[in-house]
């Protein structure tokens, strides 16, 4: 949507995951997360 480069998008995603306390979950899939973790990922996605 925003046409950011892959590198820029990955950096912002990493920053936002850290902001919601989920840096270690970057490579996980949603099914492996608790509901609270999934909602924090959803917030991070919006903030990206």
ModelCIF file with pLDDT and N, C-alpha, C, O atoms, coordinates in Angstrom:
data_MODEL
#
_entry.id   MODEL 
#
_entity.id                         1 
_entity.type                       polymer 
_entity.pdbx_number_of_molecules   1 
#
_entity_poly.entity_id                      1 
_entity_poly.type                           'polypeptide(L)' 
_entity_poly.nstd_linkage                   no 
_entity_poly.nstd_monomer                   no 
_entity_poly.pdbx_seq_one_letter_code       
;(UNK)(UNK)(UNK)(UNK)(UNK)(UNK)(UNK)(UNK)(UNK)(UNK)(UNK)(UNK)(UNK)(UNK)(UNK)(UNK)
(UNK)(UNK)(UNK)(UNK)(UNK)(UNK)(UNK)(UNK)(UNK)(UNK)(UNK)(UNK)(UNK)(UNK)(UNK)(UNK)
(UNK)(UNK)(UNK)(UNK)(UNK)(UNK)(UNK)(UNK)(UNK)(UNK)(UNK)(UNK)(UNK)(UNK)(UNK)(UNK)
;
_entity_poly.pdbx_seq_one_letter_code_can   XXXXXXXXXXXXXXXXXXXXXXXXXXXXXXXXXXXXXXXXXXXXXXXX 
_entity_poly.pdbx_strand_id                 A 
#
loop_
_entity_poly_seq.entity_id 
_entity_poly_seq.num 
_entity_poly_seq.mon_id 
_entity_poly_seq.hetero 
1 1  UNK n 
1 2  UNK n 
1 3  UNK n 
1 4  UNK n 
1 5  UNK n 
1 6  UNK n 
1 7  UNK n 
1 8  UNK n 
1 9  UNK n 
1 10 UNK n 
1 11 UNK n 
1 12 UNK n 
1 13 UNK n 
1 14 UNK n 
1 15 UNK n 
1 16 UNK n 
1 17 UNK n 
1 18 UNK n 
1 19 UNK n 
1 20 UNK n 
1 21 UNK n 
1 22 UNK n 
1 23 UNK n 
1 24 UNK n 
1 25 UNK n 
1 26 UNK n 
1 27 UNK n 
1 28 UNK n 
1 29 UNK n 
1 30 UNK n 
1 31 UNK n 
1 32 UNK n 
1 33 UNK n 
1 34 UNK n 
1 35 UNK n 
1 36 UNK n 
1 37 UNK n 
1 38 UNK n 
1 39 UNK n 
1 40 UNK n 
1 41 UNK n 
1 42 UNK n 
1 43 UNK n 
1 44 UNK n 
1 45 UNK n 
1 46 UNK n 
1 47 UNK n 
1 48 UNK n 
#
_struct_asym.id          A 
_struct_asym.entity_id   1 
#
loop_
_ma_qa_metric.id 
_ma_qa_metric.mode 
_ma_qa_metric.name 
_ma_qa_metric.software_group_id 
_ma_qa_metric.type 
1 global pLDDT . pLDDT 
2 local  pLDDT . pLDDT 
#
_ma_qa_metric_global.metric_id      1 
_ma_qa_metric_global.metric_value   95.31 
_ma_qa_metric_global.model_id       1 
_ma_qa_metric_global.ordinal_id     1 
#
loop_
_ma_qa_metric_local.label_asym_id 
_ma_qa_metric_local.label_comp_id 
_ma_qa_metric_local.label_seq_id 
_ma_qa_metric_local.metric_id 
_ma_qa_metric_local.metric_value 
_ma_qa_metric_local.model_id 
_ma_qa_metric_local.ordinal_id 
A UNK 1  2 88.00 1 1  
A UNK 2  2 90.00 1 2  
A UNK 3  2 92.00 1 3  
A UNK 4  2 95.00 1 4  
A UNK 5  2 96.00 1 5  
A UNK 6  2 96.00 1 6  
A UNK 7  2 97.00 1 7  
A UNK 8  2 97.00 1 8  
A UNK 9  2 97.00 1 9  
A UNK 10 2 97.00 1 10 
A UNK 11 2 97.00 1 11 
A UNK 12 2 97.00 1 12 
A UNK 13 2 97.00 1 13 
A UNK 14 2 97.00 1 14 
A UNK 15 2 96.00 1 15 
A UNK 16 2 96.00 1 16 
A UNK 17 2 96.00 1 17 
A UNK 18 2 96.00 1 18 
A UNK 19 2 93.00 1 19 
A UNK 20 2 95.00 1 20 
A UNK 21 2 94.00 1 21 
A UNK 22 2 96.00 1 22 
A UNK 23 2 96.00 1 23 
A UNK 24 2 97.00 1 24 
A UNK 25 2 96.00 1 25 
A UNK 26 2 97.00 1 26 
A UNK 27 2 97.00 1 27 
A UNK 28 2 97.00 1 28 
A UNK 29 2 97.00 1 29 
A UNK 30 2 95.00 1 30 
A UNK 31 2 95.00 1 31 
A UNK 32 2 96.00 1 32 
A UNK 33 2 95.00 1 33 
A UNK 34 2 94.00 1 34 
A UNK 35 2 93.00 1 35 
A UNK 36 2 94.00 1 36 
A UNK 37 2 95.00 1 37 
A UNK 38 2 95.00 1 38 
A UNK 39 2 94.00 1 39 
A UNK 40 2 95.00 1 40 
A UNK 41 2 96.00 1 41 
A UNK 42 2 95.00 1 42 
A UNK 43 2 96.00 1 43 
A UNK 44 2 96.00 1 44 
A UNK 45 2 95.00 1 45 
A UNK 46 2 94.00 1 46 
A UNK 47 2 95.00 1 47 
A UNK 48 2 95.00 1 48 
#
loop_
_atom_site.group_PDB 
_atom_site.id 
_atom_site.type_symbol 
_atom_site.label_atom_id 
_atom_site.label_alt_id 
_atom_site.label_comp_id 
_atom_site.label_asym_id 
_atom_site.label_entity_id 
_atom_site.label_seq_id 
_atom_site.pdbx_PDB_ins_code 
_atom_site.Cartn_x 
_atom_site.Cartn_y 
_atom_site.Cartn_z 
_atom_site.occupancy 
_atom_site.B_iso_or_equiv 
_atom_site.pdbx_formal_charge 
_atom_site.auth_seq_id 
_atom_site.auth_comp_id 
_atom_site.auth_asym_id 
_atom_site.auth_atom_id 
_atom_site.pdbx_PDB_model_num 
ATOM 1   N N  . UNK A 1 1  ? 0.824  -1.209  0.000  1.00 88.00 ? 1  UNK A N  1 
ATOM 2   C CA . UNK A 1 1  ? 0.000  0.000   0.000  1.00 88.00 ? 1  UNK A CA 1 
ATOM 3   C C  . UNK A 1 1  ? 0.862  1.265   0.000  1.00 88.00 ? 1  UNK A C  1 
ATOM 4   O O  . UNK A 1 1  ? 0.634  2.183   -0.788 1.00 88.00 ? 1  UNK A O  1 
ATOM 5   N N  . UNK A 1 2  ? 1.851  1.300   0.891  1.00 90.00 ? 2  UNK A N  1 
ATOM 6   C CA . UNK A 1 2  ? 2.684  2.497   1.023  1.00 90.00 ? 2  UNK A CA 1 
ATOM 7   C C  . UNK A 1 2  ? 3.897  2.480   0.096  1.00 90.00 ? 2  UNK A C  1 
ATOM 8   O O  . UNK A 1 2  ? 4.602  3.481   -0.028 1.00 90.00 ? 2  UNK A O  1 
ATOM 9   N N  . UNK A 1 3  ? 4.138  1.344   -0.553 1.00 92.00 ? 3  UNK A N  1 
ATOM 10  C CA . UNK A 1 3  ? 5.240  1.199   -1.517 1.00 92.00 ? 3  UNK A CA 1 
ATOM 11  C C  . UNK A 1 3  ? 6.604  1.437   -0.875 1.00 92.00 ? 3  UNK A C  1 
ATOM 12  O O  . UNK A 1 3  ? 7.523  1.938   -1.523 1.00 92.00 ? 3  UNK A O  1 
ATOM 13  N N  . UNK A 1 4  ? 6.729  1.077   0.391  1.00 95.00 ? 4  UNK A N  1 
ATOM 14  C CA . UNK A 1 4  ? 8.039  1.149   1.031  1.00 95.00 ? 4  UNK A CA 1 
ATOM 15  C C  . UNK A 1 4  ? 8.928  0.012   0.510  1.00 95.00 ? 4  UNK A C  1 
ATOM 16  O O  . UNK A 1 4  ? 8.438  -1.025  0.063  1.00 95.00 ? 4  UNK A O  1 
ATOM 17  N N  . UNK A 1 5  ? 10.211 0.228   0.577  1.00 96.00 ? 5  UNK A N  1 
ATOM 18  C CA . UNK A 1 5  ? 11.131 -0.836  0.188  1.00 96.00 ? 5  UNK A CA 1 
ATOM 19  C C  . UNK A 1 5  ? 11.057 -1.966  1.207  1.00 96.00 ? 5  UNK A C  1 
ATOM 20  O O  . UNK A 1 5  ? 10.607 -1.767  2.335  1.00 96.00 ? 5  UNK A O  1 
ATOM 21  N N  . UNK A 1 6  ? 11.495 -3.137  0.809  1.00 96.00 ? 6  UNK A N  1 
ATOM 22  C CA . UNK A 1 6  ? 11.456 -4.290  1.710  1.00 96.00 ? 6  UNK A CA 1 
ATOM 23  C C  . UNK A 1 6  ? 12.317 -4.036  2.938  1.00 96.00 ? 6  UNK A C  1 
ATOM 24  O O  . UNK A 1 6  ? 11.930 -4.384  4.054  1.00 96.00 ? 6  UNK A O  1 
ATOM 25  N N  . UNK A 1 7  ? 13.482 -3.430  2.739  1.00 97.00 ? 7  UNK A N  1 
ATOM 26  C CA . UNK A 1 7  ? 14.374 -3.162  3.874  1.00 97.00 ? 7  UNK A CA 1 
ATOM 27  C C  . UNK A 1 7  ? 13.737 -2.172  4.852  1.00 97.00 ? 7  UNK A C  1 
ATOM 28  O O  . UNK A 1 7  ? 13.794 -2.369  6.065  1.00 97.00 ? 7  UNK A O  1 
ATOM 29  N N  . UNK A 1 8  ? 13.134 -1.116  4.322  1.00 97.00 ? 8  UNK A N  1 
ATOM 30  C CA . UNK A 1 8  ? 12.497 -0.131  5.191  1.00 97.00 ? 8  UNK A CA 1 
ATOM 31  C C  . UNK A 1 8  ? 11.328 -0.754  5.937  1.00 97.00 ? 8  UNK A C  1 
ATOM 32  O O  . UNK A 1 8  ? 11.153 -0.523  7.133  1.00 97.00 ? 8  UNK A O  1 
ATOM 33  N N  . UNK A 1 9  ? 10.529 -1.546  5.228  1.00 97.00 ? 9  UNK A N  1 
ATOM 34  C CA . UNK A 1 9  ? 9.370  -2.188  5.858  1.00 97.00 ? 9  UNK A CA 1 
ATOM 35  C C  . UNK A 1 9  ? 9.805  -3.143  6.964  1.00 97.00 ? 9  UNK A C  1 
ATOM 36  O O  . UNK A 1 9  ? 9.179  -3.194  8.022  1.00 97.00 ? 9  UNK A O  1 
ATOM 37  N N  . UNK A 1 10 ? 10.867 -3.894  6.728  1.00 97.00 ? 10 UNK A N  1 
ATOM 38  C CA . UNK A 1 10 ? 11.352 -4.827  7.739  1.00 97.00 ? 10 UNK A CA 1 
ATOM 39  C C  . UNK A 1 10 ? 11.878 -4.095  8.967  1.00 97.00 ? 10 UNK A C  1 
ATOM 40  O O  . UNK A 1 10 ? 11.672 -4.545  10.095 1.00 97.00 ? 10 UNK A O  1 
ATOM 41  N N  . UNK A 1 11 ? 12.556 -2.973  8.755  1.00 97.00 ? 11 UNK A N  1 
ATOM 42  C CA . UNK A 1 11 ? 13.075 -2.207  9.892  1.00 97.00 ? 11 UNK A CA 1 
ATOM 43  C C  . UNK A 1 11 ? 11.928 -1.664  10.732 1.00 97.00 ? 11 UNK A C  1 
ATOM 44  O O  . UNK A 1 11 ? 11.956 -1.751  11.960 1.00 97.00 ? 11 UNK A O  1 
ATOM 45  N N  . UNK A 1 12 ? 10.916 -1.104  10.069 1.00 97.00 ? 12 UNK A N  1 
ATOM 46  C CA . UNK A 1 12 ? 9.765  -0.566  10.811 1.00 97.00 ? 12 UNK A CA 1 
ATOM 47  C C  . UNK A 1 12 ? 9.046  -1.692  11.550 1.00 97.00 ? 12 UNK A C  1 
ATOM 48  O O  . UNK A 1 12 ? 8.637  -1.521  12.699 1.00 97.00 ? 12 UNK A O  1 
ATOM 49  N N  . UNK A 1 13 ? 8.890  -2.848  10.890 1.00 97.00 ? 13 UNK A N  1 
ATOM 50  C CA . UNK A 1 13 ? 8.233  -3.987  11.539 1.00 97.00 ? 13 UNK A CA 1 
ATOM 51  C C  . UNK A 1 13 ? 9.008  -4.427  12.784 1.00 97.00 ? 13 UNK A C  1 
ATOM 52  O O  . UNK A 1 13 ? 8.416  -4.709  13.825 1.00 97.00 ? 13 UNK A O  1 
ATOM 53  N N  . UNK A 1 14 ? 10.322 -4.482  12.667 1.00 97.00 ? 14 UNK A N  1 
ATOM 54  C CA . UNK A 1 14 ? 11.156 -4.869  13.810 1.00 97.00 ? 14 UNK A CA 1 
ATOM 55  C C  . UNK A 1 14 ? 10.992 -3.879  14.957 1.00 97.00 ? 14 UNK A C  1 
ATOM 56  O O  . UNK A 1 14 ? 10.891 -4.274  16.119 1.00 97.00 ? 14 UNK A O  1 
ATOM 57  N N  . UNK A 1 15 ? 10.967 -2.588  14.624 1.00 96.00 ? 15 UNK A N  1 
ATOM 58  C CA . UNK A 1 15 ? 10.792 -1.562  15.657 1.00 96.00 ? 15 UNK A CA 1 
ATOM 59  C C  . UNK A 1 15 ? 9.438  -1.685  16.344 1.00 96.00 ? 15 UNK A C  1 
ATOM 60  O O  . UNK A 1 15 ? 9.339  -1.547  17.563 1.00 96.00 ? 15 UNK A O  1 
ATOM 61  N N  . UNK A 1 16 ? 8.394  -1.946  15.558 1.00 96.00 ? 16 UNK A N  1 
ATOM 62  C CA . UNK A 1 16 ? 7.050  -2.017  16.134 1.00 96.00 ? 16 UNK A CA 1 
ATOM 63  C C  . UNK A 1 16 ? 6.853  -3.290  16.958 1.00 96.00 ? 16 UNK A C  1 
ATOM 64  O O  . UNK A 1 16 ? 6.147  -3.268  17.967 1.00 96.00 ? 16 UNK A O  1 
ATOM 65  N N  . UNK A 1 17 ? 7.461  -4.383  16.545 1.00 96.00 ? 17 UNK A N  1 
ATOM 66  C CA . UNK A 1 17 ? 7.387  -5.597  17.368 1.00 96.00 ? 17 UNK A CA 1 
ATOM 67  C C  . UNK A 1 17 ? 8.072  -5.374  18.710 1.00 96.00 ? 17 UNK A C  1 
ATOM 68  O O  . UNK A 1 17 ? 7.595  -5.843  19.744 1.00 96.00 ? 17 UNK A O  1 
ATOM 69  N N  . UNK A 1 18 ? 9.190  -4.657  18.689 1.00 96.00 ? 18 UNK A N  1 
ATOM 70  C CA . UNK A 1 18 ? 9.866  -4.340  19.951 1.00 96.00 ? 18 UNK A CA 1 
ATOM 71  C C  . UNK A 1 18 ? 8.964  -3.464  20.816 1.00 96.00 ? 18 UNK A C  1 
ATOM 72  O O  . UNK A 1 18 ? 8.925  -3.615  22.038 1.00 96.00 ? 18 UNK A O  1 
ATOM 73  N N  . UNK A 1 19 ? 8.251  -2.562  20.183 1.00 93.00 ? 19 UNK A N  1 
ATOM 74  C CA . UNK A 1 19 ? 7.380  -1.633  20.913 1.00 93.00 ? 19 UNK A CA 1 
ATOM 75  C C  . UNK A 1 19 ? 6.282  -2.371  21.657 1.00 93.00 ? 19 UNK A C  1 
ATOM 76  O O  . UNK A 1 19 ? 5.878  -1.945  22.739 1.00 93.00 ? 19 UNK A O  1 
ATOM 77  N N  . UNK A 1 20 ? 5.789  -3.473  21.094 1.00 95.00 ? 20 UNK A N  1 
ATOM 78  C CA . UNK A 1 20 ? 4.727  -4.237  21.760 1.00 95.00 ? 20 UNK A CA 1 
ATOM 79  C C  . UNK A 1 20 ? 5.273  -5.451  22.506 1.00 95.00 ? 20 UNK A C  1 
ATOM 80  O O  . UNK A 1 20 ? 4.510  -6.297  22.973 1.00 95.00 ? 20 UNK A O  1 
ATOM 81  N N  . UNK A 1 21 ? 6.598  -5.531  22.614 1.00 94.00 ? 21 UNK A N  1 
ATOM 82  C CA . UNK A 1 21 ? 7.221  -6.577  23.419 1.00 94.00 ? 21 UNK A CA 1 
ATOM 83  C C  . UNK A 1 21 ? 7.237  -7.957  22.797 1.00 94.00 ? 21 UNK A C  1 
ATOM 84  O O  . UNK A 1 21 ? 7.183  -8.956  23.514 1.00 94.00 ? 21 UNK A O  1 
ATOM 85  N N  . UNK A 1 22 ? 7.311  -8.035  21.458 1.00 96.00 ? 22 UNK A N  1 
ATOM 86  C CA . UNK A 1 22 ? 7.251  -9.338  20.786 1.00 96.00 ? 22 UNK A CA 1 
ATOM 87  C C  . UNK A 1 22 ? 8.384  -9.524  19.768 1.00 96.00 ? 22 UNK A C  1 
ATOM 88  O O  . UNK A 1 22 ? 8.195  -10.182 18.745 1.00 96.00 ? 22 UNK A O  1 
ATOM 89  N N  . UNK A 1 23 ? 9.535  -8.959  20.040 1.00 96.00 ? 23 UNK A N  1 
ATOM 90  C CA . UNK A 1 23 ? 10.655 -9.066  19.098 1.00 96.00 ? 23 UNK A CA 1 
ATOM 91  C C  . UNK A 1 23 ? 10.995 -10.506 18.767 1.00 96.00 ? 23 UNK A C  1 
ATOM 92  O O  . UNK A 1 23 ? 11.392 -10.813 17.643 1.00 96.00 ? 23 UNK A O  1 
ATOM 93  N N  . UNK A 1 24 ? 10.840 -11.391 19.741 1.00 97.00 ? 24 UNK A N  1 
ATOM 94  C CA . UNK A 1 24 ? 11.259 -12.787 19.550 1.00 97.00 ? 24 UNK A CA 1 
ATOM 95  C C  . UNK A 1 24 ? 10.249 -13.597 18.745 1.00 97.00 ? 24 UNK A C  1 
ATOM 96  O O  . UNK A 1 24 ? 10.498 -14.767 18.453 1.00 97.00 ? 24 UNK A O  1 
ATOM 97  N N  . UNK A 1 25 ? 9.113  -13.000 18.381 1.00 96.00 ? 25 UNK A N  1 
ATOM 98  C CA . UNK A 1 25 ? 8.061  -13.739 17.674 1.00 96.00 ? 25 UNK A CA 1 
ATOM 99  C C  . UNK A 1 25 ? 8.003  -13.429 16.178 1.00 96.00 ? 25 UNK A C  1 
ATOM 100 O O  . UNK A 1 25 ? 7.048  -13.828 15.512 1.00 96.00 ? 25 UNK A O  1 
ATOM 101 N N  . UNK A 1 26 ? 8.991  -12.735 15.640 1.00 97.00 ? 26 UNK A N  1 
ATOM 102 C CA . UNK A 1 26 ? 8.924  -12.275 14.244 1.00 97.00 ? 26 UNK A CA 1 
ATOM 103 C C  . UNK A 1 26 ? 8.723  -13.410 13.254 1.00 97.00 ? 26 UNK A C  1 
ATOM 104 O O  . UNK A 1 26 ? 8.026  -13.234 12.254 1.00 97.00 ? 26 UNK A O  1 
ATOM 105 N N  . UNK A 1 27 ? 9.318  -14.570 13.509 1.00 97.00 ? 27 UNK A N  1 
ATOM 106 C CA . UNK A 1 27 ? 9.253  -15.672 12.547 1.00 97.00 ? 27 UNK A CA 1 
ATOM 107 C C  . UNK A 1 27 ? 8.146  -16.672 12.848 1.00 97.00 ? 27 UNK A C  1 
ATOM 108 O O  . UNK A 1 27 ? 7.976  -17.651 12.121 1.00 97.00 ? 27 UNK A O  1 
ATOM 109 N N  . UNK A 1 28 ? 7.395  -16.432 13.912 1.00 97.00 ? 28 UNK A N  1 
ATOM 110 C CA . UNK A 1 28 ? 6.295  -17.331 14.256 1.00 97.00 ? 28 UNK A CA 1 
ATOM 111 C C  . UNK A 1 28 ? 5.089  -17.063 13.346 1.00 97.00 ? 28 UNK A C  1 
ATOM 112 O O  . UNK A 1 28 ? 4.994  -16.015 12.707 1.00 97.00 ? 28 UNK A O  1 
ATOM 113 N N  . UNK A 1 29 ? 4.173  -18.036 13.306 1.00 97.00 ? 29 UNK A N  1 
ATOM 114 C CA . UNK A 1 29 ? 2.908  -17.849 12.611 1.00 97.00 ? 29 UNK A CA 1 
ATOM 115 C C  . UNK A 1 29 ? 1.823  -17.611 13.666 1.00 97.00 ? 29 UNK A C  1 
ATOM 116 O O  . UNK A 1 29 ? 1.941  -18.083 14.797 1.00 97.00 ? 29 UNK A O  1 
ATOM 117 N N  . UNK A 1 30 ? 0.767  -16.881 13.296 1.00 95.00 ? 30 UNK A N  1 
ATOM 118 C CA . UNK A 1 30 ? -0.247 -16.494 14.287 1.00 95.00 ? 30 UNK A CA 1 
ATOM 119 C C  . UNK A 1 30 ? -0.801 -17.657 15.111 1.00 95.00 ? 30 UNK A C  1 
ATOM 120 O O  . UNK A 1 30 ? -1.094 -17.484 16.294 1.00 95.00 ? 30 UNK A O  1 
ATOM 121 N N  . UNK A 1 31 ? -0.947 -18.820 14.516 1.00 95.00 ? 31 UNK A N  1 
ATOM 122 C CA . UNK A 1 31 ? -1.550 -19.949 15.236 1.00 95.00 ? 31 UNK A CA 1 
ATOM 123 C C  . UNK A 1 31 ? -0.716 -20.370 16.442 1.00 95.00 ? 31 UNK A C  1 
ATOM 124 O O  . UNK A 1 31 ? -1.232 -20.997 17.367 1.00 95.00 ? 31 UNK A O  1 
ATOM 125 N N  . UNK A 1 32 ? 0.571  -20.028 16.433 1.00 96.00 ? 32 UNK A N  1 
ATOM 126 C CA . UNK A 1 32 ? 1.464  -20.413 17.525 1.00 96.00 ? 32 UNK A CA 1 
ATOM 127 C C  . UNK A 1 32 ? 1.532  -19.348 18.628 1.00 96.00 ? 32 UNK A C  1 
ATOM 128 O O  . UNK A 1 32 ? 2.315  -19.473 19.569 1.00 96.00 ? 32 UNK A O  1 
ATOM 129 N N  . UNK A 1 33 ? 0.717  -18.316 18.504 1.00 95.00 ? 33 UNK A N  1 
ATOM 130 C CA . UNK A 1 33 ? 0.711  -17.246 19.492 1.00 95.00 ? 33 UNK A CA 1 
ATOM 131 C C  . UNK A 1 33 ? -0.552 -17.293 20.347 1.00 95.00 ? 33 UNK A C  1 
ATOM 132 O O  . UNK A 1 33 ? -1.596 -17.769 19.901 1.00 95.00 ? 33 UNK A O  1 
ATOM 133 N N  . UNK A 1 34 ? -0.450 -16.801 21.563 1.00 94.00 ? 34 UNK A N  1 
ATOM 134 C CA . UNK A 1 34 ? -1.643 -16.657 22.397 1.00 94.00 ? 34 UNK A CA 1 
ATOM 135 C C  . UNK A 1 34 ? -2.520 -15.546 21.830 1.00 94.00 ? 34 UNK A C  1 
ATOM 136 O O  . UNK A 1 34 ? -2.091 -14.770 20.976 1.00 94.00 ? 34 UNK A O  1 
ATOM 137 N N  . UNK A 1 35 ? -3.742 -15.486 22.317 1.00 93.00 ? 35 UNK A N  1 
ATOM 138 C CA . UNK A 1 35 ? -4.640 -14.431 21.857 1.00 93.00 ? 35 UNK A CA 1 
ATOM 139 C C  . UNK A 1 35 ? -4.099 -13.046 22.160 1.00 93.00 ? 35 UNK A C  1 
ATOM 140 O O  . UNK A 1 35 ? -4.196 -12.142 21.330 1.00 93.00 ? 35 UNK A O  1 
ATOM 141 N N  . UNK A 1 36 ? -3.529 -12.876 23.347 1.00 94.00 ? 36 UNK A N  1 
ATOM 142 C CA . UNK A 1 36 ? -2.967 -11.583 23.698 1.00 94.00 ? 36 UNK A CA 1 
ATOM 143 C C  . UNK A 1 36 ? -1.805 -11.201 22.804 1.00 94.00 ? 36 UNK A C  1 
ATOM 144 O O  . UNK A 1 36 ? -1.660 -10.041 22.420 1.00 94.00 ? 36 UNK A O  1 
ATOM 145 N N  . UNK A 1 37 ? -0.970 -12.192 22.470 1.00 95.00 ? 37 UNK A N  1 
ATOM 146 C CA . UNK A 1 37 ? 0.143  -11.925 21.560 1.00 95.00 ? 37 UNK A CA 1 
ATOM 147 C C  . UNK A 1 37 ? -0.362 -11.585 20.159 1.00 95.00 ? 37 UNK A C  1 
ATOM 148 O O  . UNK A 1 37 ? 0.169  -10.687 19.505 1.00 95.00 ? 37 UNK A O  1 
ATOM 149 N N  . UNK A 1 38 ? -1.386 -12.302 19.703 1.00 95.00 ? 38 UNK A N  1 
ATOM 150 C CA . UNK A 1 38 ? -1.943 -11.998 18.382 1.00 95.00 ? 38 UNK A CA 1 
ATOM 151 C C  . UNK A 1 38 ? -2.503 -10.574 18.335 1.00 95.00 ? 38 UNK A C  1 
ATOM 152 O O  . UNK A 1 38 ? -2.343 -9.876  17.334 1.00 95.00 ? 38 UNK A O  1 
ATOM 153 N N  . UNK A 1 39 ? -3.156 -10.148 19.412 1.00 94.00 ? 39 UNK A N  1 
ATOM 154 C CA . UNK A 1 39 ? -3.712 -8.801  19.400 1.00 94.00 ? 39 UNK A CA 1 
ATOM 155 C C  . UNK A 1 39 ? -2.607 -7.750  19.438 1.00 94.00 ? 39 UNK A C  1 
ATOM 156 O O  . UNK A 1 39 ? -2.734 -6.690  18.826 1.00 94.00 ? 39 UNK A O  1 
ATOM 157 N N  . UNK A 1 40 ? -1.531 -8.040  20.152 1.00 95.00 ? 40 UNK A N  1 
ATOM 158 C CA . UNK A 1 40 ? -0.403 -7.106  20.155 1.00 95.00 ? 40 UNK A CA 1 
ATOM 159 C C  . UNK A 1 40 ? 0.249  -7.035  18.774 1.00 95.00 ? 40 UNK A C  1 
ATOM 160 O O  . UNK A 1 40 ? 0.681  -5.963  18.348 1.00 95.00 ? 40 UNK A O  1 
ATOM 161 N N  . UNK A 1 41 ? 0.321  -8.170  18.070 1.00 96.00 ? 41 UNK A N  1 
ATOM 162 C CA . UNK A 1 41 ? 0.818  -8.147  16.691 1.00 96.00 ? 41 UNK A CA 1 
ATOM 163 C C  . UNK A 1 41 ? -0.108 -7.298  15.815 1.00 96.00 ? 41 UNK A C  1 
ATOM 164 O O  . UNK A 1 41 ? 0.354  -6.533  14.969 1.00 96.00 ? 41 UNK A O  1 
ATOM 165 N N  . UNK A 1 42 ? -1.416 -7.443  16.027 1.00 95.00 ? 42 UNK A N  1 
ATOM 166 C CA . UNK A 1 42 ? -2.370 -6.654  15.240 1.00 95.00 ? 42 UNK A CA 1 
ATOM 167 C C  . UNK A 1 42 ? -2.176 -5.155  15.489 1.00 95.00 ? 42 UNK A C  1 
ATOM 168 O O  . UNK A 1 42 ? -2.269 -4.358  14.557 1.00 95.00 ? 42 UNK A O  1 
ATOM 169 N N  . UNK A 1 43 ? -1.909 -4.771  16.731 1.00 96.00 ? 43 UNK A N  1 
ATOM 170 C CA . UNK A 1 43 ? -1.636 -3.365  17.035 1.00 96.00 ? 43 UNK A CA 1 
ATOM 171 C C  . UNK A 1 43 ? -0.339 -2.929  16.351 1.00 96.00 ? 43 UNK A C  1 
ATOM 172 O O  . UNK A 1 43 ? -0.278 -1.851  15.759 1.00 96.00 ? 43 UNK A O  1 
ATOM 173 N N  . UNK A 1 44 ? 0.691  -3.765  16.433 1.00 96.00 ? 44 UNK A N  1 
ATOM 174 C CA . UNK A 1 44 ? 1.964  -3.438  15.788 1.00 96.00 ? 44 UNK A CA 1 
ATOM 175 C C  . UNK A 1 44 ? 1.782  -3.284  14.283 1.00 96.00 ? 44 UNK A C  1 
ATOM 176 O O  . UNK A 1 44 ? 2.362  -2.387  13.672 1.00 96.00 ? 44 UNK A O  1 
ATOM 177 N N  . UNK A 1 45 ? 0.974  -4.162  13.684 1.00 95.00 ? 45 UNK A N  1 
ATOM 178 C CA . UNK A 1 45 ? 0.737  -4.073  12.244 1.00 95.00 ? 45 UNK A CA 1 
ATOM 179 C C  . UNK A 1 45 ? 0.090  -2.740  11.883 1.00 95.00 ? 45 UNK A C  1 
ATOM 180 O O  . UNK A 1 45 ? 0.473  -2.108  10.898 1.00 95.00 ? 45 UNK A O  1 
ATOM 181 N N  . UNK A 1 46 ? -0.893 -2.313  12.679 1.00 94.00 ? 46 UNK A N  1 
ATOM 182 C CA . UNK A 1 46 ? -1.532 -1.027  12.418 1.00 94.00 ? 46 UNK A CA 1 
ATOM 183 C C  . UNK A 1 46 ? -0.531 0.114   12.572 1.00 94.00 ? 46 UNK A C  1 
ATOM 184 O O  . UNK A 1 46 ? -0.534 1.055   11.779 1.00 94.00 ? 46 UNK A O  1 
ATOM 185 N N  . UNK A 1 47 ? 0.324  0.034   13.587 1.00 95.00 ? 47 UNK A N  1 
ATOM 186 C CA . UNK A 1 47 ? 1.297  1.099   13.828 1.00 95.00 ? 47 UNK A CA 1 
ATOM 187 C C  . UNK A 1 47 ? 2.355  1.172   12.729 1.00 95.00 ? 47 UNK A C  1 
ATOM 188 O O  . UNK A 1 47 ? 2.927  2.236   12.493 1.00 95.00 ? 47 UNK A O  1 
ATOM 189 N N  . UNK A 1 48 ? 2.617  0.063   12.064 1.00 95.00 ? 48 UNK A N  1 
ATOM 190 C CA . UNK A 1 48 ? 3.594  0.059   10.967 1.00 95.00 ? 48 UNK A CA 1 
ATOM 191 C C  . UNK A 1 48 ? 3.210  1.026   9.850  1.00 95.00 ? 48 UNK A C  1 
ATOM 192 O O  . UNK A 1 48 ? 3.929  1.138   8.857  1.00 95.00 ? 48 UNK A O  1 
#
